[in-house]
Amino acid sequence: MPKLIKIAAAKDVPPGEAAAFDLEGQRIALFNVEGTFYAIGDTCTHRGGPLSEGSVAGTAVTCPWHGADFDLKTGTALGPPATQGVPSFRVVIEGGDVKIEI
């Protein structure tokens, strides 16, 4: 059964920023896009690049290593070289805490 787990305080990831966290044995990237938080797997499926260090345009992130694009809402790979998506996690804001469903 899924559970909500605190990943960060909202103030720790300001708008336009991203951060990576190890949670429940997974590396998760948390993005704040104009006050909306998204959480996806941090490891690019092409060659393992850190998506939390990628550039964000709208609700897509580009891997800093080889340019693969991923949808922040769904984790879907949007373009090569990645052909597989990354996990996507439901985000809940409670008070000042950012929680994700695992």
Protein backbone atom coordinates (compact mmCIF):
# COMPACT_ATOMS: atom_id res chain seq x y z
CA MET A 1 0.00 0.00 0.00
CA PRO A 2 1.44 3.42 -0.96
CA LYS A 3 2.56 5.74 1.82
CA LEU A 4 3.40 9.43 2.01
CA ILE A 5 6.97 10.22 3.04
CA LYS A 6 8.46 13.65 3.65
CA ILE A 7 11.18 14.37 1.13
CA ALA A 8 11.94 18.03 1.93
CA ALA A 9 10.71 21.30 3.36
CA ALA A 10 9.18 23.41 0.59
CA LYS A 11 11.45 26.33 1.51
CA ASP A 12 14.51 24.16 0.84
CA VAL A 13 13.71 23.85 -2.90
CA PRO A 14 12.77 27.35 -4.12
CA PRO A 15 11.03 28.00 -7.46
CA GLY A 16 13.31 27.26 -10.38
CA GLU A 17 15.45 24.85 -8.36
CA ALA A 18 15.81 21.07 -8.11
CA ALA A 19 17.38 18.72 -5.59
CA ALA A 20 18.10 15.00 -5.34
CA PHE A 21 17.25 12.80 -2.37
CA ASP A 22 17.76 9.16 -1.43
CA LEU A 23 14.48 7.82 -0.12
CA GLU A 24 13.33 4.24 0.42
CA GLY A 25 16.27 2.93 -1.61
CA GLN A 26 15.57 5.20 -4.58
CA ARG A 27 17.30 8.32 -5.91
CA ILE A 28 14.55 10.89 -6.47
CA ALA A 29 14.74 14.31 -8.13
CA LEU A 30 12.42 16.99 -6.75
CA PHE A 31 11.70 20.00 -8.97
CA ASN A 32 9.95 23.26 -8.08
CA VAL A 33 8.49 24.76 -11.24
CA GLU A 34 6.91 28.12 -10.41
CA GLY A 35 5.67 26.81 -7.06
CA THR A 36 4.48 23.42 -8.33
CA PHE A 37 6.52 20.44 -7.19
CA TYR A 38 7.28 17.37 -9.31
CA ALA A 39 9.15 14.22 -8.29
CA ILE A 40 10.69 11.72 -10.69
CA GLY A 41 13.53 9.22 -10.63
CA ASP A 42 16.84 11.11 -10.70
CA THR A 43 18.71 8.64 -12.91
CA CYS A 44 18.47 9.04 -16.69
CA THR A 45 17.60 5.75 -18.36
CA HIS A 46 20.07 6.39 -21.18
CA ARG A 47 23.40 6.47 -19.31
CA GLY A 48 22.55 7.30 -15.68
CA GLY A 49 22.90 11.08 -15.73
CA PRO A 50 21.55 13.08 -12.75
CA LEU A 51 18.26 14.61 -13.91
CA SER A 52 18.20 16.92 -10.88
CA GLU A 53 21.17 18.71 -12.47
CA GLY A 54 19.43 19.09 -15.84
CA SER A 55 17.85 22.17 -17.36
CA VAL A 56 14.09 22.62 -17.04
CA ALA A 57 11.83 24.16 -19.69
CA GLY A 58 8.15 24.18 -18.78
CA THR A 59 7.46 20.71 -17.40
CA ALA A 60 10.34 18.93 -19.12
CA VAL A 61 13.87 18.30 -17.90
CA THR A 62 16.89 17.70 -20.13
CA CYS A 63 19.57 15.32 -18.88
CA PRO A 64 22.86 17.20 -18.51
CA TRP A 65 24.93 14.31 -19.88
CA HIS A 66 23.46 13.48 -23.31
CA GLY A 67 20.35 15.63 -23.75
CA ALA A 68 17.52 13.14 -23.21
CA ASP A 69 14.26 14.87 -22.29
CA PHE A 70 11.76 13.68 -19.66
CA ASP A 71 8.27 14.87 -18.71
CA LEU A 72 8.24 16.07 -15.08
CA LYS A 73 4.56 15.16 -14.69
CA THR A 74 4.80 11.54 -15.85
CA GLY A 75 8.49 10.60 -16.10
CA THR A 76 7.97 9.69 -19.76
CA ALA A 77 11.00 9.90 -22.06
CA LEU A 78 10.22 12.67 -24.54
CA GLY A 79 13.10 12.18 -26.89
CA PRO A 80 16.27 10.31 -27.66
CA PRO A 81 18.71 9.15 -26.67
CA ALA A 82 16.54 7.78 -23.81
CA THR A 83 13.84 5.33 -24.89
CA GLN A 84 12.48 4.45 -21.42
CA GLY A 85 10.93 6.77 -18.88
CA VAL A 86 11.77 7.18 -15.20
CA PRO A 87 9.47 6.63 -12.21
CA SER A 88 7.09 9.44 -11.34
CA PHE A 89 5.81 10.11 -7.83
CA ARG A 90 2.67 11.86 -6.62
CA VAL A 91 3.57 14.98 -4.61
CA VAL A 92 1.54 16.28 -1.66
CA ILE A 93 2.21 19.54 0.19
CA GLU A 94 1.30 19.44 3.89
CA GLY A 95 2.04 22.61 5.81
CA GLY A 96 5.57 23.47 4.78
CA ASP A 97 6.51 19.87 3.97
CA VAL A 98 6.83 18.25 0.55
CA LYS A 99 5.81 14.60 0.68
CA ILE A 100 5.80 11.99 -2.04
CA GLU A 101 3.81 8.81 -2.37
CA ILE A 102 5.90 5.67 -2.51
